[in-house]
Amino acid sequence: MKRLTIHLLLLSPLVFLLAQLFIFEVNDPIKYIYIVSGITATVILFFSITISMIKKHINLMKFRKDIGLFGFFYALLHMVNFIVFDAQLDLSFIIEETLDKPFIYLGMIAFFILLFMALTSTKKLFRKFNKYHRLVYIALVLITIHFIMAQKTIALDLFCYIVIIIVIGYYKLLQIIVRNNHVK
């Protein structure tokens, strides 16, 4: 029952996105898909790393893989929006945009890290590659920079987002330091 509730909660941004696109009709659908898929992927991925921090209060550890895969799903939707709708499958446009706009290649690097993690998230492959799943922290830094650069300005909401990311990063780093000191 918990898994179903979590999946429905994680699918709700997609339902909201589709409703906005097909029922309420937004002015710029490509930009709207970028915004919703990008923010949703980022929020879910940052939440996935906080699960170990909150497990004493709410234990979602057995759902962390599912939550991470949903984060990847929204990142994939974000990438598909760029390749299919924005670039219209034009490889030269994709390459040109990627080289001209650094935030795009930062996003692509982050996406390929997430792709690797998604592909190696099966039990058998995870045992072999689990140490590489720490690359999620690099991906999240790249995603944050990607997001800030794409906005071109730092408004109050973006500043709040940056502060939240710094706080999560600080507490996650603190958790890792404490865990490593207990191991020794």
N, C-alpha and C. Protein backbone atom coordinates (compact mmCIF):
# COMPACT_ATOMS: atom_id res chain seq x y z
N MET A 1 0.83 -1.20 0.00
CA MET A 1 0.00 0.00 0.00
C MET A 1 0.87 1.27 0.00
N LYS A 2 1.97 1.23 0.80
CA LYS A 2 2.87 2.39 0.83
C LYS A 2 3.48 2.62 -0.55
N ARG A 3 3.92 1.53 -1.19
CA ARG A 3 4.56 1.66 -2.51
C ARG A 3 3.58 2.28 -3.51
N LEU A 4 2.34 1.85 -3.51
CA LEU A 4 1.33 2.40 -4.42
C LEU A 4 1.13 3.89 -4.15
N THR A 5 1.04 4.26 -2.89
CA THR A 5 0.87 5.66 -2.52
C THR A 5 2.05 6.51 -3.00
N ILE A 6 3.26 5.99 -2.79
CA ILE A 6 4.46 6.71 -3.23
C ILE A 6 4.47 6.85 -4.75
N HIS A 7 4.13 5.78 -5.46
CA HIS A 7 4.11 5.84 -6.93
C HIS A 7 3.06 6.83 -7.43
N LEU A 8 1.90 6.82 -6.83
CA LEU A 8 0.86 7.78 -7.24
C LEU A 8 1.29 9.21 -6.95
N LEU A 9 1.93 9.41 -5.81
CA LEU A 9 2.42 10.75 -5.47
C LEU A 9 3.48 11.19 -6.48
N LEU A 10 4.37 10.28 -6.86
CA LEU A 10 5.44 10.62 -7.79
C LEU A 10 4.94 10.76 -9.23
N LEU A 11 3.81 10.18 -9.55
CA LEU A 11 3.22 10.35 -10.88
C LEU A 11 2.35 11.59 -10.98
N SER A 12 1.98 12.18 -9.85
CA SER A 12 1.09 13.34 -9.88
C SER A 12 1.65 14.52 -10.67
N PRO A 13 2.97 14.81 -10.66
CA PRO A 13 3.45 15.91 -11.52
C PRO A 13 3.23 15.62 -13.01
N LEU A 14 3.34 14.36 -13.42
CA LEU A 14 3.09 14.01 -14.82
C LEU A 14 1.63 14.23 -15.17
N VAL A 15 0.73 13.83 -14.29
CA VAL A 15 -0.70 14.03 -14.52
C VAL A 15 -0.99 15.54 -14.60
N PHE A 16 -0.42 16.30 -13.69
CA PHE A 16 -0.58 17.76 -13.70
C PHE A 16 -0.06 18.35 -15.01
N LEU A 17 1.13 17.90 -15.44
CA LEU A 17 1.72 18.38 -16.69
C LEU A 17 0.82 18.08 -17.88
N LEU A 18 0.34 16.86 -17.97
CA LEU A 18 -0.52 16.47 -19.09
C LEU A 18 -1.84 17.25 -19.08
N ALA A 19 -2.38 17.45 -17.89
CA ALA A 19 -3.63 18.23 -17.79
C ALA A 19 -3.40 19.66 -18.27
N GLN A 20 -2.30 20.26 -17.87
CA GLN A 20 -2.00 21.63 -18.29
C GLN A 20 -1.80 21.71 -19.80
N LEU A 21 -1.14 20.70 -20.36
CA LEU A 21 -0.85 20.72 -21.80
C LEU A 21 -2.08 20.47 -22.66
N PHE A 22 -2.92 19.51 -22.25
CA PHE A 22 -4.01 19.08 -23.12
C PHE A 22 -5.39 19.59 -22.74
N ILE A 23 -5.56 20.01 -21.51
CA ILE A 23 -6.87 20.51 -21.09
C ILE A 23 -6.86 22.04 -21.00
N PHE A 24 -5.86 22.58 -20.32
CA PHE A 24 -5.82 24.02 -20.08
C PHE A 24 -4.99 24.78 -21.10
N GLU A 25 -4.20 24.08 -21.90
CA GLU A 25 -3.40 24.65 -22.98
C GLU A 25 -2.51 25.81 -22.54
N VAL A 26 -1.25 25.51 -22.31
CA VAL A 26 -0.28 26.54 -21.94
C VAL A 26 0.23 27.24 -23.19
N ASN A 27 0.76 28.46 -23.03
CA ASN A 27 1.23 29.25 -24.17
C ASN A 27 2.45 28.65 -24.85
N ASP A 28 3.44 28.21 -24.08
CA ASP A 28 4.68 27.68 -24.63
C ASP A 28 4.88 26.26 -24.06
N PRO A 29 4.33 25.25 -24.74
CA PRO A 29 4.38 23.89 -24.18
C PRO A 29 5.79 23.34 -23.99
N ILE A 30 6.71 23.66 -24.89
CA ILE A 30 8.08 23.15 -24.76
C ILE A 30 8.73 23.72 -23.49
N LYS A 31 8.60 25.01 -23.29
CA LYS A 31 9.16 25.64 -22.09
C LYS A 31 8.48 25.09 -20.84
N TYR A 32 7.19 24.88 -20.91
CA TYR A 32 6.45 24.37 -19.76
C TYR A 32 6.91 22.96 -19.39
N ILE A 33 7.13 22.12 -20.39
CA ILE A 33 7.62 20.76 -20.14
C ILE A 33 9.02 20.83 -19.52
N TYR A 34 9.87 21.73 -20.03
CA TYR A 34 11.19 21.92 -19.43
C TYR A 34 11.08 22.24 -17.94
N ILE A 35 10.24 23.20 -17.63
CA ILE A 35 10.12 23.67 -16.25
C ILE A 35 9.61 22.57 -15.34
N VAL A 36 8.49 21.96 -15.71
CA VAL A 36 7.88 20.95 -14.83
C VAL A 36 8.76 19.71 -14.71
N SER A 37 9.27 19.21 -15.84
CA SER A 37 10.09 17.99 -15.77
C SER A 37 11.41 18.25 -15.06
N GLY A 38 12.01 19.39 -15.31
CA GLY A 38 13.29 19.72 -14.68
C GLY A 38 13.16 19.91 -13.18
N ILE A 39 12.20 20.70 -12.76
CA ILE A 39 12.01 20.93 -11.33
C ILE A 39 11.60 19.65 -10.62
N THR A 40 10.72 18.87 -11.24
CA THR A 40 10.28 17.62 -10.63
C THR A 40 11.45 16.65 -10.48
N ALA A 41 12.24 16.49 -11.53
CA ALA A 41 13.40 15.60 -11.45
C ALA A 41 14.34 16.04 -10.35
N THR A 42 14.61 17.33 -10.28
CA THR A 42 15.54 17.86 -9.29
C THR A 42 15.03 17.64 -7.87
N VAL A 43 13.77 17.95 -7.63
CA VAL A 43 13.20 17.79 -6.29
C VAL A 43 13.22 16.32 -5.88
N ILE A 44 12.82 15.43 -6.78
CA ILE A 44 12.79 14.00 -6.45
C ILE A 44 14.20 13.48 -6.20
N LEU A 45 15.16 13.88 -7.02
CA LEU A 45 16.53 13.40 -6.84
C LEU A 45 17.14 13.92 -5.53
N PHE A 46 16.89 15.18 -5.21
CA PHE A 46 17.38 15.69 -3.93
C PHE A 46 16.68 14.99 -2.77
N PHE A 47 15.40 14.72 -2.92
CA PHE A 47 14.70 14.00 -1.85
C PHE A 47 15.28 12.60 -1.68
N SER A 48 15.66 11.97 -2.80
CA SER A 48 16.19 10.60 -2.71
C SER A 48 17.48 10.53 -1.88
N ILE A 49 18.28 11.59 -1.89
CA ILE A 49 19.48 11.56 -1.06
C ILE A 49 19.21 11.94 0.39
N THR A 50 18.07 12.54 0.66
CA THR A 50 17.74 12.88 2.05
C THR A 50 17.07 11.73 2.78
N ILE A 51 16.69 10.68 2.06
CA ILE A 51 15.98 9.56 2.68
C ILE A 51 16.80 8.94 3.81
N SER A 52 18.11 8.78 3.59
CA SER A 52 18.93 8.20 4.66
C SER A 52 19.06 9.15 5.85
N MET A 53 18.89 10.44 5.61
CA MET A 53 18.99 11.42 6.70
C MET A 53 17.75 11.43 7.58
N ILE A 54 16.61 11.07 7.03
CA ILE A 54 15.35 11.14 7.79
C ILE A 54 14.85 9.76 8.23
N LYS A 55 15.64 8.72 8.00
CA LYS A 55 15.16 7.35 8.24
C LYS A 55 14.79 7.09 9.70
N LYS A 56 15.34 7.83 10.65
CA LYS A 56 14.96 7.65 12.05
C LYS A 56 13.52 8.11 12.29
N HIS A 57 13.06 9.06 11.49
CA HIS A 57 11.72 9.62 11.65
C HIS A 57 10.72 8.97 10.70
N ILE A 58 11.12 8.84 9.44
CA ILE A 58 10.29 8.22 8.40
C ILE A 58 11.21 7.31 7.60
N ASN A 59 11.01 6.02 7.72
CA ASN A 59 11.91 5.08 7.03
C ASN A 59 11.36 4.76 5.64
N LEU A 60 11.98 5.36 4.64
CA LEU A 60 11.61 5.10 3.25
C LEU A 60 12.76 4.42 2.50
N MET A 61 13.70 3.84 3.24
CA MET A 61 14.89 3.26 2.62
C MET A 61 14.54 2.20 1.56
N LYS A 62 13.52 1.39 1.81
CA LYS A 62 13.20 0.35 0.83
C LYS A 62 12.55 0.91 -0.43
N PHE A 63 12.19 2.18 -0.40
CA PHE A 63 11.59 2.83 -1.58
C PHE A 63 12.57 3.77 -2.29
N ARG A 64 13.78 3.87 -1.77
CA ARG A 64 14.74 4.84 -2.32
C ARG A 64 15.04 4.57 -3.79
N LYS A 65 15.18 3.32 -4.17
CA LYS A 65 15.45 2.99 -5.58
C LYS A 65 14.28 3.44 -6.46
N ASP A 66 13.06 3.14 -6.04
CA ASP A 66 11.88 3.57 -6.81
C ASP A 66 11.85 5.08 -6.95
N ILE A 67 12.12 5.77 -5.86
CA ILE A 67 12.09 7.24 -5.88
C ILE A 67 13.17 7.76 -6.82
N GLY A 68 14.36 7.20 -6.74
CA GLY A 68 15.44 7.60 -7.64
C GLY A 68 15.11 7.34 -9.09
N LEU A 69 14.46 6.21 -9.38
CA LEU A 69 14.08 5.90 -10.76
C LEU A 69 13.01 6.86 -11.27
N PHE A 70 12.13 7.31 -10.40
CA PHE A 70 11.16 8.33 -10.82
C PHE A 70 11.87 9.65 -11.12
N GLY A 71 12.88 9.98 -10.32
CA GLY A 71 13.68 11.17 -10.61
C GLY A 71 14.33 11.05 -11.98
N PHE A 72 14.87 9.87 -12.28
CA PHE A 72 15.46 9.63 -13.60
C PHE A 72 14.39 9.75 -14.69
N PHE A 73 13.20 9.22 -14.45
CA PHE A 73 12.11 9.30 -15.43
C PHE A 73 11.83 10.75 -15.81
N TYR A 74 11.75 11.63 -14.82
CA TYR A 74 11.49 13.05 -15.13
C TYR A 74 12.68 13.70 -15.82
N ALA A 75 13.90 13.28 -15.47
CA ALA A 75 15.09 13.78 -16.18
C ALA A 75 15.06 13.30 -17.63
N LEU A 76 14.63 12.07 -17.85
CA LEU A 76 14.49 11.53 -19.21
C LEU A 76 13.44 12.32 -19.99
N LEU A 77 12.33 12.63 -19.36
CA LEU A 77 11.30 13.45 -19.99
C LEU A 77 11.86 14.82 -20.36
N HIS A 78 12.68 15.38 -19.50
CA HIS A 78 13.33 16.67 -19.74
C HIS A 78 14.24 16.58 -20.97
N MET A 79 15.02 15.51 -21.05
CA MET A 79 15.95 15.30 -22.17
C MET A 79 15.18 15.02 -23.47
N VAL A 80 14.14 14.22 -23.39
CA VAL A 80 13.33 13.92 -24.59
C VAL A 80 12.68 15.20 -25.10
N ASN A 81 12.25 16.05 -24.21
CA ASN A 81 11.68 17.34 -24.61
C ASN A 81 12.69 18.14 -25.43
N PHE A 82 13.95 18.15 -24.98
CA PHE A 82 14.99 18.87 -25.71
C PHE A 82 15.24 18.23 -27.08
N ILE A 83 15.42 16.93 -27.11
CA ILE A 83 15.81 16.25 -28.35
C ILE A 83 14.67 16.17 -29.36
N VAL A 84 13.47 15.83 -28.90
CA VAL A 84 12.35 15.60 -29.82
C VAL A 84 11.59 16.88 -30.14
N PHE A 85 11.18 17.62 -29.12
CA PHE A 85 10.32 18.78 -29.37
C PHE A 85 11.09 20.05 -29.69
N ASP A 86 12.15 20.32 -28.93
CA ASP A 86 12.90 21.55 -29.13
C ASP A 86 13.84 21.43 -30.33
N ALA A 87 14.64 20.38 -30.37
CA ALA A 87 15.61 20.20 -31.47
C ALA A 87 15.02 19.47 -32.66
N GLN A 88 13.86 18.89 -32.52
CA GLN A 88 13.16 18.14 -33.58
C GLN A 88 14.07 17.09 -34.22
N LEU A 89 14.83 16.38 -33.36
CA LEU A 89 15.72 15.29 -33.76
C LEU A 89 16.84 15.74 -34.70
N ASP A 90 17.13 17.03 -34.75
CA ASP A 90 18.18 17.58 -35.60
C ASP A 90 19.51 17.50 -34.84
N LEU A 91 20.34 16.51 -35.20
CA LEU A 91 21.60 16.27 -34.50
C LEU A 91 22.53 17.48 -34.55
N SER A 92 22.59 18.16 -35.68
CA SER A 92 23.47 19.32 -35.78
C SER A 92 23.00 20.44 -34.84
N PHE A 93 21.69 20.63 -34.71
CA PHE A 93 21.15 21.63 -33.78
C PHE A 93 21.49 21.24 -32.34
N ILE A 94 21.35 19.95 -32.02
CA ILE A 94 21.65 19.48 -30.67
C ILE A 94 23.11 19.75 -30.33
N ILE A 95 24.01 19.42 -31.25
CA ILE A 95 25.44 19.63 -31.03
C ILE A 95 25.75 21.12 -30.91
N GLU A 96 25.19 21.92 -31.80
CA GLU A 96 25.41 23.37 -31.78
C GLU A 96 24.92 24.00 -30.48
N GLU A 97 23.72 23.64 -30.06
CA GLU A 97 23.16 24.17 -28.82
C GLU A 97 23.99 23.73 -27.61
N THR A 98 24.42 22.49 -27.65
CA THR A 98 25.22 21.97 -26.54
C THR A 98 26.55 22.70 -26.42
N LEU A 99 27.19 22.98 -27.54
CA LEU A 99 28.47 23.67 -27.51
C LEU A 99 28.32 25.16 -27.21
N ASP A 100 27.21 25.76 -27.66
CA ASP A 100 26.99 27.19 -27.45
C ASP A 100 26.53 27.52 -26.03
N LYS A 101 25.84 26.61 -25.40
CA LYS A 101 25.25 26.88 -24.09
C LYS A 101 25.79 25.89 -23.06
N PRO A 102 26.72 26.33 -22.24
CA PRO A 102 27.35 25.42 -21.27
C PRO A 102 26.35 24.73 -20.34
N PHE A 103 25.24 25.39 -20.02
CA PHE A 103 24.29 24.75 -19.11
C PHE A 103 23.69 23.49 -19.72
N ILE A 104 23.65 23.42 -21.05
CA ILE A 104 23.11 22.22 -21.69
C ILE A 104 24.07 21.05 -21.52
N TYR A 105 25.37 21.26 -21.74
CA TYR A 105 26.26 20.11 -21.59
C TYR A 105 26.42 19.72 -20.13
N LEU A 106 26.28 20.64 -19.20
CA LEU A 106 26.28 20.25 -17.78
C LEU A 106 25.07 19.36 -17.48
N GLY A 107 23.92 19.75 -18.04
CA GLY A 107 22.72 18.93 -17.88
C GLY A 107 22.87 17.56 -18.52
N MET A 108 23.52 17.52 -19.68
CA MET A 108 23.72 16.23 -20.36
C MET A 108 24.67 15.32 -19.58
N ILE A 109 25.72 15.89 -19.02
CA ILE A 109 26.63 15.09 -18.20
C ILE A 109 25.86 14.51 -17.00
N ALA A 110 25.07 15.35 -16.35
CA ALA A 110 24.26 14.89 -15.22
C ALA A 110 23.30 13.80 -15.68
N PHE A 111 22.69 13.99 -16.84
CA PHE A 111 21.75 13.00 -17.34
C PHE A 111 22.44 11.65 -17.56
N PHE A 112 23.63 11.66 -18.14
CA PHE A 112 24.32 10.39 -18.40
C PHE A 112 24.77 9.71 -17.10
N ILE A 113 25.07 10.49 -16.08
CA ILE A 113 25.34 9.89 -14.77
C ILE A 113 24.07 9.21 -14.26
N LEU A 114 22.94 9.89 -14.37
CA LEU A 114 21.67 9.31 -13.92
C LEU A 114 21.28 8.10 -14.75
N LEU A 115 21.57 8.14 -16.05
CA LEU A 115 21.30 6.99 -16.92
C LEU A 115 22.10 5.78 -16.47
N PHE A 116 23.39 5.98 -16.19
CA PHE A 116 24.23 4.90 -15.69
C PHE A 116 23.65 4.33 -14.40
N MET A 117 23.25 5.21 -13.50
CA MET A 117 22.69 4.75 -12.22
C MET A 117 21.39 3.98 -12.43
N ALA A 118 20.55 4.45 -13.34
CA ALA A 118 19.28 3.75 -13.61
C ALA A 118 19.54 2.36 -14.20
N LEU A 119 20.49 2.30 -15.13
CA LEU A 119 20.79 1.01 -15.77
C LEU A 119 21.44 0.02 -14.81
N THR A 120 22.14 0.52 -13.80
CA THR A 120 22.81 -0.37 -12.86
C THR A 120 22.07 -0.47 -11.53
N SER A 121 20.78 -0.22 -11.53
CA SER A 121 20.02 -0.25 -10.29
C SER A 121 19.35 -1.60 -10.02
N THR A 122 19.56 -2.59 -10.90
CA THR A 122 19.06 -3.93 -10.61
C THR A 122 19.91 -4.53 -9.49
N LYS A 123 19.39 -5.52 -8.78
CA LYS A 123 20.12 -6.09 -7.64
C LYS A 123 21.51 -6.57 -8.04
N LYS A 124 21.58 -7.31 -9.12
CA LYS A 124 22.86 -7.89 -9.55
C LYS A 124 23.86 -6.80 -9.93
N LEU A 125 23.44 -5.86 -10.76
CA LEU A 125 24.35 -4.80 -11.20
C LEU A 125 24.66 -3.81 -10.08
N PHE A 126 23.70 -3.58 -9.19
CA PHE A 126 23.94 -2.64 -8.10
C PHE A 126 25.06 -3.14 -7.20
N ARG A 127 25.06 -4.45 -6.90
CA ARG A 127 26.14 -5.02 -6.08
C ARG A 127 27.50 -4.74 -6.70
N LYS A 128 27.56 -4.80 -8.03
CA LYS A 128 28.82 -4.59 -8.73
C LYS A 128 29.21 -3.12 -8.84
N PHE A 129 28.22 -2.24 -9.01
CA PHE A 129 28.47 -0.82 -9.30
C PHE A 129 28.03 0.14 -8.21
N ASN A 130 27.66 -0.37 -7.03
CA ASN A 130 27.07 0.53 -6.02
C ASN A 130 27.98 1.67 -5.60
N LYS A 131 29.31 1.45 -5.62
CA LYS A 131 30.20 2.56 -5.23
C LYS A 131 30.13 3.71 -6.23
N TYR A 132 29.77 3.42 -7.47
CA TYR A 132 29.65 4.47 -8.48
C TYR A 132 28.34 5.26 -8.34
N HIS A 133 27.42 4.74 -7.56
CA HIS A 133 26.16 5.45 -7.36
C HIS A 133 26.35 6.70 -6.52
N ARG A 134 27.53 6.86 -5.94
CA ARG A 134 27.85 8.10 -5.23
C ARG A 134 28.00 9.26 -6.22
N LEU A 135 28.10 8.94 -7.50
CA LEU A 135 28.16 9.99 -8.53
C LEU A 135 26.89 10.84 -8.55
N VAL A 136 25.86 10.38 -7.86
CA VAL A 136 24.63 11.16 -7.80
C VAL A 136 24.91 12.55 -7.22
N TYR A 137 25.88 12.65 -6.32
CA TYR A 137 26.20 13.95 -5.73
C TYR A 137 26.79 14.89 -6.78
N ILE A 138 27.62 14.36 -7.65
CA ILE A 138 28.17 15.17 -8.75
C ILE A 138 27.03 15.57 -9.69
N ALA A 139 26.16 14.61 -9.99
CA ALA A 139 25.01 14.91 -10.86
C ALA A 139 24.16 16.01 -10.26
N LEU A 140 23.93 15.97 -8.97
CA LEU A 140 23.08 16.99 -8.33
C LEU A 140 23.75 18.36 -8.34
N VAL A 141 25.06 18.40 -8.20
CA VAL A 141 25.76 19.68 -8.31
C VAL A 141 25.62 20.21 -9.74
N LEU A 142 25.82 19.33 -10.73
CA LEU A 142 25.69 19.74 -12.13
C LEU A 142 24.27 20.19 -12.45
N ILE A 143 23.29 19.47 -11.91
CA ILE A 143 21.88 19.84 -12.13
C ILE A 143 21.60 21.21 -11.55
N THR A 144 22.13 21.47 -10.37
CA THR A 144 21.92 22.78 -9.74
C THR A 144 22.53 23.89 -10.57
N ILE A 145 23.76 23.69 -11.02
CA ILE A 145 24.41 24.69 -11.88
C ILE A 145 23.63 24.85 -13.19
N HIS A 146 23.20 23.73 -13.77
CA HIS A 146 22.39 23.74 -14.99
C HIS A 146 21.14 24.59 -14.78
N PHE A 147 20.47 24.37 -13.68
CA PHE A 147 19.23 25.08 -13.38
C PHE A 147 19.48 26.58 -13.20
N ILE A 148 20.53 26.92 -12.46
CA ILE A 148 20.84 28.34 -12.22
C ILE A 148 21.21 29.03 -13.53
N MET A 149 22.05 28.38 -14.33
CA MET A 149 22.48 28.99 -15.61
C MET A 149 21.32 29.13 -16.59
N ALA A 150 20.39 28.18 -16.57
CA ALA A 150 19.25 28.24 -17.49
C ALA A 150 18.32 29.40 -17.13
N GLN A 151 18.28 29.78 -15.85
CA GLN A 151 17.39 30.86 -15.42
C GLN A 151 17.92 32.24 -15.80
N LYS A 152 19.23 32.36 -15.90
CA LYS A 152 19.91 33.61 -16.29
C LYS A 152 19.87 34.70 -15.23
N THR A 153 18.96 34.61 -14.27
CA THR A 153 18.91 35.56 -13.16
C THR A 153 18.61 34.79 -11.88
N ILE A 154 18.99 35.38 -10.76
CA ILE A 154 18.72 34.73 -9.48
C ILE A 154 17.60 35.50 -8.79
N ALA A 155 16.40 34.97 -8.90
CA ALA A 155 15.24 35.56 -8.24
C ALA A 155 15.15 34.98 -6.81
N LEU A 156 14.19 35.46 -6.05
CA LEU A 156 14.03 35.02 -4.66
C LEU A 156 13.78 33.51 -4.58
N ASP A 157 12.92 32.98 -5.44
CA ASP A 157 12.64 31.54 -5.39
C ASP A 157 13.89 30.71 -5.73
N LEU A 158 14.69 31.17 -6.68
CA LEU A 158 15.92 30.47 -7.03
C LEU A 158 16.93 30.57 -5.89
N PHE A 159 17.00 31.71 -5.24
CA PHE A 159 17.88 31.87 -4.09
C PHE A 159 17.48 30.91 -2.98
N CYS A 160 16.18 30.79 -2.71
CA CYS A 160 15.68 29.86 -1.68
C CYS A 160 16.05 28.42 -2.05
N TYR A 161 15.91 28.10 -3.31
CA TYR A 161 16.28 26.77 -3.81
C TYR A 161 17.75 26.50 -3.55
N ILE A 162 18.61 27.47 -3.83
CA ILE A 162 20.06 27.32 -3.62
C ILE A 162 20.36 27.12 -2.14
N VAL A 163 19.70 27.87 -1.28
CA VAL A 163 19.90 27.73 0.17
C VAL A 163 19.49 26.33 0.62
N ILE A 164 18.37 25.83 0.15
CA ILE A 164 17.91 24.49 0.52
C ILE A 164 18.93 23.44 0.07
N ILE A 165 19.45 23.58 -1.14
CA ILE A 165 20.45 22.66 -1.66
C ILE A 165 21.71 22.69 -0.79
N ILE A 166 22.14 23.87 -0.40
CA ILE A 166 23.33 23.99 0.45
C ILE A 166 23.09 23.33 1.81
N VAL A 167 21.91 23.53 2.37
CA VAL A 167 21.59 22.93 3.67
C VAL A 167 21.56 21.40 3.55
N ILE A 168 20.92 20.87 2.51
CA ILE A 168 20.89 19.42 2.30
C ILE A 168 22.31 18.90 2.11
N GLY A 169 23.09 19.58 1.30
CA GLY A 169 24.48 19.17 1.07
C GLY A 169 25.29 19.17 2.36
N TYR A 170 25.12 20.19 3.17
CA TYR A 170 25.83 20.28 4.44
C TYR A 170 25.47 19.11 5.35
N TYR A 171 24.18 18.85 5.52
CA TYR A 171 23.76 17.77 6.41
C TYR A 171 24.14 16.39 5.86
N LYS A 172 24.10 16.25 4.56
CA LYS A 172 24.52 14.97 3.96
C LYS A 172 26.01 14.75 4.17
N LEU A 173 26.80 15.79 3.98
CA LEU A 173 28.24 15.69 4.21
C LEU A 173 28.53 15.38 5.68
N LEU A 174 27.81 16.03 6.56
CA LEU A 174 27.95 15.78 8.00
C LEU A 174 27.61 14.32 8.32
N GLN A 175 26.55 13.80 7.72
CA GLN A 175 26.14 12.41 7.93
C GLN A 175 27.24 11.45 7.46
N ILE A 176 27.83 11.73 6.33
CA ILE A 176 28.90 10.88 5.79
C ILE A 176 30.12 10.92 6.71
N ILE A 177 30.48 12.10 7.20
CA ILE A 177 31.64 12.23 8.10
C ILE A 177 31.39 11.45 9.39
N VAL A 178 30.21 11.59 9.97
CA VAL A 178 29.88 10.87 11.21
C VAL A 178 29.91 9.37 10.97
N ARG A 179 29.33 8.90 9.87
CA ARG A 179 29.31 7.48 9.54
C ARG A 179 30.73 6.94 9.36
N ASN A 180 31.59 7.68 8.67
CA ASN A 180 32.96 7.24 8.46
C ASN A 180 33.76 7.22 9.76
N ASN A 181 33.48 8.13 10.68
CA ASN A 181 34.17 8.13 11.97
C ASN A 181 33.75 6.95 12.84
N HIS A 182 32.48 6.51 12.71
CA HIS A 182 32.00 5.34 13.46
C HIS A 182 32.59 4.04 12.92
N VAL A 183 32.88 4.01 11.63
CA VAL A 183 33.42 2.82 11.00
C VAL A 183 34.85 2.55 11.46
N LYS A 184 35.62 3.62 11.67
CA LYS A 184 37.04 3.48 12.06
C LYS A 184 37.23 2.95 13.42
